[in-house]
Amino acid sequence: VLVGPSGSGKSTALRMLAGLEAVDGGAIH
């Protein structure tokens, strides 16, 4: 579970994994 207040980046992190947001640095496996 990714949890945090609004604007914490949790949904962005999920969308990065799904390919719905670009990854500007680092990597996902």
mmCIF file of all heavy atoms, coordinates in Angstrom:
data_MODEL
# 
_entry.id   MODEL 
# 
loop_
_atom_site.group_PDB 
_atom_site.id 
_atom_site.type_symbol 
_atom_site.label_atom_id 
_atom_site.label_alt_id 
_atom_site.label_comp_id 
_atom_site.label_asym_id 
_atom_site.label_entity_id 
_atom_site.label_seq_id 
_atom_site.pdbx_PDB_ins_code 
_atom_site.Cartn_x 
_atom_site.Cartn_y 
_atom_site.Cartn_z 
_atom_site.occupancy 
_atom_site.B_iso_or_equiv 
_atom_site.pdbx_formal_charge 
_atom_site.auth_seq_id 
_atom_site.auth_comp_id 
_atom_site.auth_asym_id 
_atom_site.auth_atom_id 
_atom_site.pdbx_PDB_model_num 
ATOM 1   N N   . VAL A 1 1  ? 0.847  -1.192 0.000   1.00 0.00 ? 1  VAL A N   1 
ATOM 2   C CA  . VAL A 1 1  ? 0.000  0.000  0.000   1.00 0.00 ? 1  VAL A CA  1 
ATOM 3   C C   . VAL A 1 1  ? 0.881  1.241  0.000   1.00 0.00 ? 1  VAL A C   1 
ATOM 4   O O   . VAL A 1 1  ? 1.765  1.386  0.854   1.00 0.00 ? 1  VAL A O   1 
ATOM 5   C CB  . VAL A 1 1  ? -0.943 0.022  1.214   1.00 0.00 ? 1  VAL A CB  1 
ATOM 6   C CG1 . VAL A 1 1  ? -1.804 1.285  1.194   1.00 0.00 ? 1  VAL A CG1 1 
ATOM 7   C CG2 . VAL A 1 1  ? -1.840 -1.212 1.218   1.00 0.00 ? 1  VAL A CG2 1 
ATOM 8   N N   . LEU A 1 2  ? 0.647  2.136  -0.968  1.00 0.00 ? 2  LEU A N   1 
ATOM 9   C CA  . LEU A 1 2  ? 1.279  3.451  -0.977  1.00 0.00 ? 2  LEU A CA  1 
ATOM 10  C C   . LEU A 1 2  ? 0.291  4.428  -0.360  1.00 0.00 ? 2  LEU A C   1 
ATOM 11  O O   . LEU A 1 2  ? -0.832 4.574  -0.852  1.00 0.00 ? 2  LEU A O   1 
ATOM 12  C CB  . LEU A 1 2  ? 1.626  3.893  -2.405  1.00 0.00 ? 2  LEU A CB  1 
ATOM 13  C CG  . LEU A 1 2  ? 2.500  2.962  -3.246  1.00 0.00 ? 2  LEU A CG  1 
ATOM 14  C CD1 . LEU A 1 2  ? 2.813  3.618  -4.597  1.00 0.00 ? 2  LEU A CD1 1 
ATOM 15  C CD2 . LEU A 1 2  ? 3.780  2.599  -2.533  1.00 0.00 ? 2  LEU A CD2 1 
ATOM 16  N N   . VAL A 1 3  ? 0.691  5.097  0.710   1.00 0.00 ? 3  VAL A N   1 
ATOM 17  C CA  . VAL A 1 3  ? -0.218 5.984  1.420   1.00 0.00 ? 3  VAL A CA  1 
ATOM 18  C C   . VAL A 1 3  ? 0.461  7.317  1.687   1.00 0.00 ? 3  VAL A C   1 
ATOM 19  O O   . VAL A 1 3  ? 1.686  7.392  1.837   1.00 0.00 ? 3  VAL A O   1 
ATOM 20  C CB  . VAL A 1 3  ? -0.699 5.320  2.738   1.00 0.00 ? 3  VAL A CB  1 
ATOM 21  C CG1 . VAL A 1 3  ? 0.455  5.134  3.711   1.00 0.00 ? 3  VAL A CG1 1 
ATOM 22  C CG2 . VAL A 1 3  ? -1.818 6.107  3.399   1.00 0.00 ? 3  VAL A CG2 1 
ATOM 23  N N   . GLY A 1 4  ? -0.343 8.366  1.724   1.00 0.00 ? 4  GLY A N   1 
ATOM 24  C CA  . GLY A 1 4  ? 0.172  9.701  2.005   1.00 0.00 ? 4  GLY A CA  1 
ATOM 25  C C   . GLY A 1 4  ? -0.914 10.719 1.755   1.00 0.00 ? 4  GLY A C   1 
ATOM 26  O O   . GLY A 1 4  ? -1.957 10.400 1.175   1.00 0.00 ? 4  GLY A O   1 
ATOM 27  N N   . PRO A 1 5  ? -0.708 11.956 2.159   1.00 0.00 ? 5  PRO A N   1 
ATOM 28  C CA  . PRO A 1 5  ? -1.705 13.005 1.923   1.00 0.00 ? 5  PRO A CA  1 
ATOM 29  C C   . PRO A 1 5  ? -1.756 13.382 0.446   1.00 0.00 ? 5  PRO A C   1 
ATOM 30  O O   . PRO A 1 5  ? -0.931 12.927 -0.361  1.00 0.00 ? 5  PRO A O   1 
ATOM 31  C CB  . PRO A 1 5  ? -1.194 14.167 2.784   1.00 0.00 ? 5  PRO A CB  1 
ATOM 32  C CG  . PRO A 1 5  ? 0.282  13.938 2.874   1.00 0.00 ? 5  PRO A CG  1 
ATOM 33  C CD  . PRO A 1 5  ? 0.473  12.454 2.883   1.00 0.00 ? 5  PRO A CD  1 
ATOM 34  N N   . SER A 1 6  ? -2.714 14.221 0.077   1.00 0.00 ? 6  SER A N   1 
ATOM 35  C CA  . SER A 1 6  ? -2.807 14.705 -1.300  1.00 0.00 ? 6  SER A CA  1 
ATOM 36  C C   . SER A 1 6  ? -1.509 15.400 -1.690  1.00 0.00 ? 6  SER A C   1 
ATOM 37  O O   . SER A 1 6  ? -0.946 16.165 -0.907  1.00 0.00 ? 6  SER A O   1 
ATOM 38  C CB  . SER A 1 6  ? -3.980 15.683 -1.438  1.00 0.00 ? 6  SER A CB  1 
ATOM 39  O OG  . SER A 1 6  ? -5.203 15.032 -1.173  1.00 0.00 ? 6  SER A OG  1 
ATOM 40  N N   . GLY A 1 7  ? -1.025 15.087 -2.899  1.00 0.00 ? 7  GLY A N   1 
ATOM 41  C CA  . GLY A 1 7  ? 0.204  15.704 -3.375  1.00 0.00 ? 7  GLY A CA  1 
ATOM 42  C C   . GLY A 1 7  ? 1.464  15.031 -2.902  1.00 0.00 ? 7  GLY A C   1 
ATOM 43  O O   . GLY A 1 7  ? 2.563  15.538 -3.131  1.00 0.00 ? 7  GLY A O   1 
ATOM 44  N N   . SER A 1 8  ? 1.344  13.854 -2.280  1.00 0.00 ? 8  SER A N   1 
ATOM 45  C CA  . SER A 1 8  ? 2.528  13.177 -1.760  1.00 0.00 ? 8  SER A CA  1 
ATOM 46  C C   . SER A 1 8  ? 3.285  12.400 -2.828  1.00 0.00 ? 8  SER A C   1 
ATOM 47  O O   . SER A 1 8  ? 4.415  11.981 -2.606  1.00 0.00 ? 8  SER A O   1 
ATOM 48  C CB  . SER A 1 8  ? 2.138  12.227 -0.617  1.00 0.00 ? 8  SER A CB  1 
ATOM 49  O OG  . SER A 1 8  ? 1.256  11.221 -1.096  1.00 0.00 ? 8  SER A OG  1 
ATOM 50  N N   . GLY A 1 9  ? 2.660  12.168 -4.000  1.00 0.00 ? 9  GLY A N   1 
ATOM 51  C CA  . GLY A 1 9  ? 3.334  11.462 -5.083  1.00 0.00 ? 9  GLY A CA  1 
ATOM 52  C C   . GLY A 1 9  ? 2.937  10.007 -5.214  1.00 0.00 ? 9  GLY A C   1 
ATOM 53  O O   . GLY A 1 9  ? 3.440  9.298  -6.086  1.00 0.00 ? 9  GLY A O   1 
ATOM 54  N N   . LYS A 1 10 ? 1.993  9.538  -4.399  1.00 0.00 ? 10 LYS A N   1 
ATOM 55  C CA  . LYS A 1 10 ? 1.648  8.117  -4.412  1.00 0.00 ? 10 LYS A CA  1 
ATOM 56  C C   . LYS A 1 10 ? 0.989  7.690  -5.723  1.00 0.00 ? 10 LYS A C   1 
ATOM 57  O O   . LYS A 1 10 ? 1.345  6.654  -6.294  1.00 0.00 ? 10 LYS A O   1 
ATOM 58  C CB  . LYS A 1 10 ? 0.758  7.774  -3.214  1.00 0.00 ? 10 LYS A CB  1 
ATOM 59  C CG  . LYS A 1 10 ? -0.523 8.601  -3.111  1.00 0.00 ? 10 LYS A CG  1 
ATOM 60  C CD  . LYS A 1 10 ? -1.210 8.390  -1.775  1.00 0.00 ? 10 LYS A CD  1 
ATOM 61  C CE  . LYS A 1 10 ? -2.545 9.127  -1.723  1.00 0.00 ? 10 LYS A CE  1 
ATOM 62  N NZ  . LYS A 1 10 ? -2.383 10.600 -1.863  1.00 0.00 ? 10 LYS A NZ  1 
ATOM 63  N N   . SER A 1 11 ? 0.031  8.482  -6.218  1.00 0.00 ? 11 SER A N   1 
ATOM 64  C CA  . SER A 1 11 ? -0.621 8.129  -7.493  1.00 0.00 ? 11 SER A CA  1 
ATOM 65  C C   . SER A 1 11 ? 0.354  8.271  -8.662  1.00 0.00 ? 11 SER A C   1 
ATOM 66  O O   . SER A 1 11 ? 0.322  7.476  -9.604  1.00 0.00 ? 11 SER A O   1 
ATOM 67  C CB  . SER A 1 11 ? -1.859 9.005  -7.732  1.00 0.00 ? 11 SER A CB  1 
ATOM 68  O OG  . SER A 1 11 ? -2.897 8.648  -6.843  1.00 0.00 ? 11 SER A OG  1 
ATOM 69  N N   . THR A 1 12 ? 1.219  9.277  -8.596  1.00 0.00 ? 12 THR A N   1 
ATOM 70  C CA  . THR A 1 12 ? 2.224  9.443  -9.649  1.00 0.00 ? 12 THR A CA  1 
ATOM 71  C C   . THR A 1 12 ? 3.148  8.235  -9.698  1.00 0.00 ? 12 THR A C   1 
ATOM 72  O O   . THR A 1 12 ? 3.480  7.728  -10.774 1.00 0.00 ? 12 THR A O   1 
ATOM 73  C CB  . THR A 1 12 ? 3.044  10.728 -9.413  1.00 0.00 ? 12 THR A CB  1 
ATOM 74  O OG1 . THR A 1 12 ? 2.158  11.850 -9.413  1.00 0.00 ? 12 THR A OG1 1 
ATOM 75  C CG2 . THR A 1 12 ? 4.081  10.921 -10.499 1.00 0.00 ? 12 THR A CG2 1 
ATOM 76  N N   . ALA A 1 13 ? 3.563  7.738  -8.535  1.00 0.00 ? 13 ALA A N   1 
ATOM 77  C CA  . ALA A 1 13 ? 4.429  6.559  -8.491  1.00 0.00 ? 13 ALA A CA  1 
ATOM 78  C C   . ALA A 1 13 ? 3.745  5.351  -9.120  1.00 0.00 ? 13 ALA A C   1 
ATOM 79  O O   . ALA A 1 13 ? 4.366  4.574  -9.859  1.00 0.00 ? 13 ALA A O   1 
ATOM 80  C CB  . ALA A 1 13 ? 4.819  6.250  -7.046  1.00 0.00 ? 13 ALA A CB  1 
ATOM 81  N N   . LEU A 1 14 ? 2.456  5.190  -8.850  1.00 0.00 ? 14 LEU A N   1 
ATOM 82  C CA  . LEU A 1 14 ? 1.701  4.075  -9.432  1.00 0.00 ? 14 LEU A CA  1 
ATOM 83  C C   . LEU A 1 14 ? 1.586  4.230  -10.944 1.00 0.00 ? 14 LEU A C   1 
ATOM 84  O O   . LEU A 1 14 ? 1.762  3.265  -11.695 1.00 0.00 ? 14 LEU A O   1 
ATOM 85  C CB  . LEU A 1 14 ? 0.311  4.013  -8.797  1.00 0.00 ? 14 LEU A CB  1 
ATOM 86  C CG  . LEU A 1 14 ? -0.529 2.792  -9.171  1.00 0.00 ? 14 LEU A CG  1 
ATOM 87  C CD1 . LEU A 1 14 ? -0.029 1.561  -8.412  1.00 0.00 ? 14 LEU A CD1 1 
ATOM 88  C CD2 . LEU A 1 14 ? -2.001 3.019  -8.867  1.00 0.00 ? 14 LEU A CD2 1 
ATOM 89  N N   . ARG A 1 15 ? 1.306  5.442  -11.400 1.00 0.00 ? 15 ARG A N   1 
ATOM 90  C CA  . ARG A 1 15 ? 1.153  5.690  -12.835 1.00 0.00 ? 15 ARG A CA  1 
ATOM 91  C C   . ARG A 1 15 ? 2.493  5.546  -13.572 1.00 0.00 ? 15 ARG A C   1 
ATOM 92  O O   . ARG A 1 15 ? 2.522  5.170  -14.744 1.00 0.00 ? 15 ARG A O   1 
ATOM 93  C CB  . ARG A 1 15 ? 0.544  7.078  -13.052 1.00 0.00 ? 15 ARG A CB  1 
ATOM 94  C CG  . ARG A 1 15 ? -0.919 7.159  -12.591 1.00 0.00 ? 15 ARG A CG  1 
ATOM 95  C CD  . ARG A 1 15 ? -1.440 8.584  -12.610 1.00 0.00 ? 15 ARG A CD  1 
ATOM 96  N NE  . ARG A 1 15 ? -1.485 9.121  -13.962 1.00 0.00 ? 15 ARG A NE  1 
ATOM 97  C CZ  . ARG A 1 15 ? -2.466 8.927  -14.828 1.00 0.00 ? 15 ARG A CZ  1 
ATOM 98  N NH1 . ARG A 1 15 ? -3.519 8.180  -14.489 1.00 0.00 ? 15 ARG A NH1 1 
ATOM 99  N NH2 . ARG A 1 15 ? -2.433 9.451  -16.035 1.00 0.00 ? 15 ARG A NH2 1 
ATOM 100 N N   . MET A 1 16 ? 3.586  5.833  -12.901 1.00 0.00 ? 16 MET A N   1 
ATOM 101 C CA  . MET A 1 16 ? 4.907  5.587  -13.492 1.00 0.00 ? 16 MET A CA  1 
ATOM 102 C C   . MET A 1 16 ? 5.106  4.093  -13.741 1.00 0.00 ? 16 MET A C   1 
ATOM 103 O O   . MET A 1 16 ? 5.633  3.678  -14.778 1.00 0.00 ? 16 MET A O   1 
ATOM 104 C CB  . MET A 1 16 ? 6.010  6.121  -12.573 1.00 0.00 ? 16 MET A CB  1 
ATOM 105 C CG  . MET A 1 16 ? 6.071  7.638  -12.491 1.00 0.00 ? 16 MET A CG  1 
ATOM 106 S SD  . MET A 1 16 ? 7.029  8.218  -11.052 1.00 0.00 ? 16 MET A SD  1 
ATOM 107 C CE  . MET A 1 16 ? 8.695  7.714  -11.514 1.00 0.00 ? 16 MET A CE  1 
ATOM 108 N N   . LEU A 1 17 ? 4.683  3.280  -12.780 1.00 0.00 ? 17 LEU A N   1 
ATOM 109 C CA  . LEU A 1 17 ? 4.787  1.833  -12.944 1.00 0.00 ? 17 LEU A CA  1 
ATOM 110 C C   . LEU A 1 17 ? 3.918  1.341  -14.088 1.00 0.00 ? 17 LEU A C   1 
ATOM 111 O O   . LEU A 1 17 ? 4.326  0.468  -14.870 1.00 0.00 ? 17 LEU A O   1 
ATOM 112 C CB  . LEU A 1 17 ? 4.375  1.141  -11.635 1.00 0.00 ? 17 LEU A CB  1 
ATOM 113 C CG  . LEU A 1 17 ? 4.248  -0.378 -11.673 1.00 0.00 ? 17 LEU A CG  1 
ATOM 114 C CD1 . LEU A 1 17 ? 5.581  -1.031 -12.023 1.00 0.00 ? 17 LEU A CD1 1 
ATOM 115 C CD2 . LEU A 1 17 ? 3.721  -0.905 -10.336 1.00 0.00 ? 17 LEU A CD2 1 
ATOM 116 N N   . ALA A 1 18 ? 2.727  1.919  -14.215 1.00 0.00 ? 18 ALA A N   1 
ATOM 117 C CA  . ALA A 1 18 ? 1.797  1.489  -15.261 1.00 0.00 ? 18 ALA A CA  1 
ATOM 118 C C   . ALA A 1 18 ? 2.151  2.042  -16.639 1.00 0.00 ? 18 ALA A C   1 
ATOM 119 O O   . ALA A 1 18 ? 1.554  1.638  -17.635 1.00 0.00 ? 18 ALA A O   1 
ATOM 120 C CB  . ALA A 1 18 ? 0.376  1.907  -14.882 1.00 0.00 ? 18 ALA A CB  1 
ATOM 121 N N   . GLY A 1 19 ? 3.094  2.981  -16.704 1.00 0.00 ? 19 GLY A N   1 
ATOM 122 C CA  . GLY A 1 19 ? 3.462  3.571  -17.986 1.00 0.00 ? 19 GLY A CA  1 
ATOM 123 C C   . GLY A 1 19 ? 2.605  4.751  -18.379 1.00 0.00 ? 19 GLY A C   1 
ATOM 124 O O   . GLY A 1 19 ? 2.659  5.224  -19.521 1.00 0.00 ? 19 GLY A O   1 
ATOM 125 N N   . LEU A 1 20 ? 1.818  5.265  -17.429 1.00 0.00 ? 20 LEU A N   1 
ATOM 126 C CA  . LEU A 1 20 ? 0.938  6.403  -17.711 1.00 0.00 ? 20 LEU A CA  1 
ATOM 127 C C   . LEU A 1 20 ? 1.612  7.733  -17.398 1.00 0.00 ? 20 LEU A C   1 
ATOM 128 O O   . LEU A 1 20 ? 1.064  8.785  -17.715 1.00 0.00 ? 20 LEU A O   1 
ATOM 129 C CB  . LEU A 1 20 ? -0.362 6.273  -16.898 1.00 0.00 ? 20 LEU A CB  1 
ATOM 130 C CG  . LEU A 1 20 ? -1.150 4.979  -17.136 1.00 0.00 ? 20 LEU A CG  1 
ATOM 131 C CD1 . LEU A 1 20 ? -2.380 4.938  -16.246 1.00 0.00 ? 20 LEU A CD1 1 
ATOM 132 C CD2 . LEU A 1 20 ? -1.532 4.823  -18.597 1.00 0.00 ? 20 LEU A CD2 1 
ATOM 133 N N   . GLU A 1 21 ? 2.759  7.683  -16.734 1.00 0.00 ? 21 GLU A N   1 
ATOM 134 C CA  . GLU A 1 21 ? 3.584  8.865  -16.491 1.00 0.00 ? 21 GLU A CA  1 
ATOM 135 C C   . GLU A 1 21 ? 5.018  8.537  -16.885 1.00 0.00 ? 21 GLU A C   1 
ATOM 136 O O   . GLU A 1 21 ? 5.484  7.408  -16.681 1.00 0.00 ? 21 GLU A O   1 
ATOM 137 C CB  . GLU A 1 21 ? 3.553  9.284  -15.015 1.00 0.00 ? 21 GLU A CB  1 
ATOM 138 C CG  . GLU A 1 21 ? 2.222  9.798  -14.511 1.00 0.00 ? 21 GLU A CG  1 
ATOM 139 C CD  . GLU A 1 21 ? 1.895  11.201 -15.020 1.00 0.00 ? 21 GLU A CD  1 
ATOM 140 O OE1 . GLU A 1 21 ? 2.769  11.818 -15.671 1.00 0.00 ? 21 GLU A OE1 1 
ATOM 141 O OE2 . GLU A 1 21 ? 0.777  11.651 -14.755 1.00 0.00 ? 21 GLU A OE2 1 
ATOM 142 N N   . ALA A 1 22 ? 5.710  9.522  -17.445 1.00 0.00 ? 22 ALA A N   1 
ATOM 143 C CA  . ALA A 1 22 ? 7.106  9.321  -17.832 1.00 0.00 ? 22 ALA A CA  1 
ATOM 144 C C   . ALA A 1 22 ? 7.986  9.211  -16.594 1.00 0.00 ? 22 ALA A C   1 
ATOM 145 O O   . ALA A 1 22 ? 7.668  9.750  -15.528 1.00 0.00 ? 22 ALA A O   1 
ATOM 146 C CB  . ALA A 1 22 ? 7.573  10.477 -18.707 1.00 0.00 ? 22 ALA A CB  1 
ATOM 147 N N   . VAL A 1 23 ? 9.100  8.506  -16.735 1.00 0.00 ? 23 VAL A N   1 
ATOM 148 C CA  . VAL A 1 23 ? 10.111 8.411  -15.679 1.00 0.00 ? 23 VAL A CA  1 
ATOM 149 C C   . VAL A 1 23 ? 11.286 9.289  -16.104 1.00 0.00 ? 23 VAL A C   1 
ATOM 150 O O   . VAL A 1 23 ? 11.927 9.041  -17.121 1.00 0.00 ? 23 VAL A O   1 
ATOM 151 C CB  . VAL A 1 23 ? 10.572 6.952  -15.479 1.00 0.00 ? 23 VAL A CB  1 
ATOM 152 C CG1 . VAL A 1 23 ? 11.642 6.885  -14.386 1.00 0.00 ? 23 VAL A CG1 1 
ATOM 153 C CG2 . VAL A 1 23 ? 9.383  6.064  -15.129 1.00 0.00 ? 23 VAL A CG2 1 
ATOM 154 N N   . ASP A 1 24 ? 11.555 10.349 -15.332 1.00 0.00 ? 24 ASP A N   1 
ATOM 155 C CA  . ASP A 1 24 ? 12.586 11.325 -15.704 1.00 0.00 ? 24 ASP A CA  1 
ATOM 156 C C   . ASP A 1 24 ? 13.964 10.966 -15.158 1.00 0.00 ? 24 ASP A C   1 
ATOM 157 O O   . ASP A 1 24 ? 14.969 11.562 -15.551 1.00 0.00 ? 24 ASP A O   1 
ATOM 158 C CB  . ASP A 1 24 ? 12.184 12.724 -15.212 1.00 0.00 ? 24 ASP A CB  1 
ATOM 159 C CG  . ASP A 1 24 ? 10.881 13.194 -15.850 1.00 0.00 ? 24 ASP A CG  1 
ATOM 160 O OD1 . ASP A 1 24 ? 10.775 13.134 -17.081 1.00 0.00 ? 24 ASP A OD1 1 
ATOM 161 O OD2 . ASP A 1 24 ? 9.970  13.594 -15.111 1.00 0.00 ? 24 ASP A OD2 1 
ATOM 162 N N   . GLY A 1 25 ? 14.011 10.018 -14.247 1.00 0.00 ? 25 GLY A N   1 
ATOM 163 C CA  . GLY A 1 25 ? 15.296 9.584  -13.699 1.00 0.00 ? 25 GLY A CA  1 
ATOM 164 C C   . GLY A 1 25 ? 15.127 8.249  -13.025 1.00 0.00 ? 25 GLY A C   1 
ATOM 165 O O   . GLY A 1 25 ? 14.039 7.895  -12.589 1.00 0.00 ? 25 GLY A O   1 
ATOM 166 N N   . GLY A 1 26 ? 16.206 7.472  -12.951 1.00 0.00 ? 26 GLY A N   1 
ATOM 167 C CA  . GLY A 1 26 ? 16.127 6.165  -12.325 1.00 0.00 ? 26 GLY A CA  1 
ATOM 168 C C   . GLY A 1 26 ? 15.492 5.136  -13.241 1.00 0.00 ? 26 GLY A C   1 
ATOM 169 O O   . GLY A 1 26 ? 15.404 5.326  -14.464 1.00 0.00 ? 26 GLY A O   1 
ATOM 170 N N   . ALA A 1 27 ? 15.013 4.046  -12.661 1.00 0.00 ? 27 ALA A N   1 
ATOM 171 C CA  . ALA A 1 27 ? 14.484 2.937  -13.456 1.00 0.00 ? 27 ALA A CA  1 
ATOM 172 C C   . ALA A 1 27 ? 13.399 2.199  -12.676 1.00 0.00 ? 27 ALA A C   1 
ATOM 173 O O   . ALA A 1 27 ? 13.307 2.298  -11.452 1.00 0.00 ? 27 ALA A O   1 
ATOM 174 C CB  . ALA A 1 27 ? 15.607 1.967  -13.823 1.00 0.00 ? 27 ALA A CB  1 
ATOM 175 N N   . ILE A 1 28 ? 12.565 1.461  -13.423 1.00 0.00 ? 28 ILE A N   1 
ATOM 176 C CA  . ILE A 1 28 ? 11.529 0.604  -12.838 1.00 0.00 ? 28 ILE A CA  1 
ATOM 177 C C   . ILE A 1 28 ? 11.662 -0.776 -13.467 1.00 0.00 ? 28 ILE A C   1 
ATOM 178 O O   . ILE A 1 28 ? 11.783 -0.903 -14.694 1.00 0.00 ? 28 ILE A O   1 
ATOM 179 C CB  . ILE A 1 28 ? 10.117 1.179  -13.077 1.00 0.00 ? 28 ILE A CB  1 
ATOM 180 C CG1 . ILE A 1 28 ? 9.964  2.530  -12.384 1.00 0.00 ? 28 ILE A CG1 1 
ATOM 181 C CG2 . ILE A 1 28 ? 9.056  0.204  -12.557 1.00 0.00 ? 28 ILE A CG2 1 
ATOM 182 C CD1 . ILE A 1 28 ? 8.633  3.214  -12.644 1.00 0.00 ? 28 ILE A CD1 1 
ATOM 183 N N   . HIS A 1 29 ? 11.646 -1.805 -12.625 1.00 0.00 ? 29 HIS A N   1 
ATOM 184 C CA  . HIS A 1 29 ? 11.753 -3.186 -13.101 1.00 0.00 ? 29 HIS A CA  1 
ATOM 185 C C   . HIS A 1 29 ? 10.532 -3.983 -12.658 1.00 0.00 ? 29 HIS A C   1 
ATOM 186 O O   . HIS A 1 29 ? 10.051 -3.842 -11.534 1.00 0.00 ? 29 HIS A O   1 
ATOM 187 C CB  . HIS A 1 29 ? 13.012 -3.852 -12.537 1.00 0.00 ? 29 HIS A CB  1 
ATOM 188 C CG  . HIS A 1 29 ? 14.288 -3.321 -13.104 1.00 0.00 ? 29 HIS A CG  1 
ATOM 189 N ND1 . HIS A 1 29 ? 15.102 -4.055 -13.934 1.00 0.00 ? 29 HIS A ND1 1 
ATOM 190 C CD2 . HIS A 1 29 ? 14.898 -2.114 -12.977 1.00 0.00 ? 29 HIS A CD2 1 
ATOM 191 C CE1 . HIS A 1 29 ? 16.154 -3.344 -14.290 1.00 0.00 ? 29 HIS A CE1 1 
ATOM 192 N NE2 . HIS A 1 29 ? 16.052 -2.160 -13.715 1.00 0.00 ? 29 HIS A NE2 1 
# 
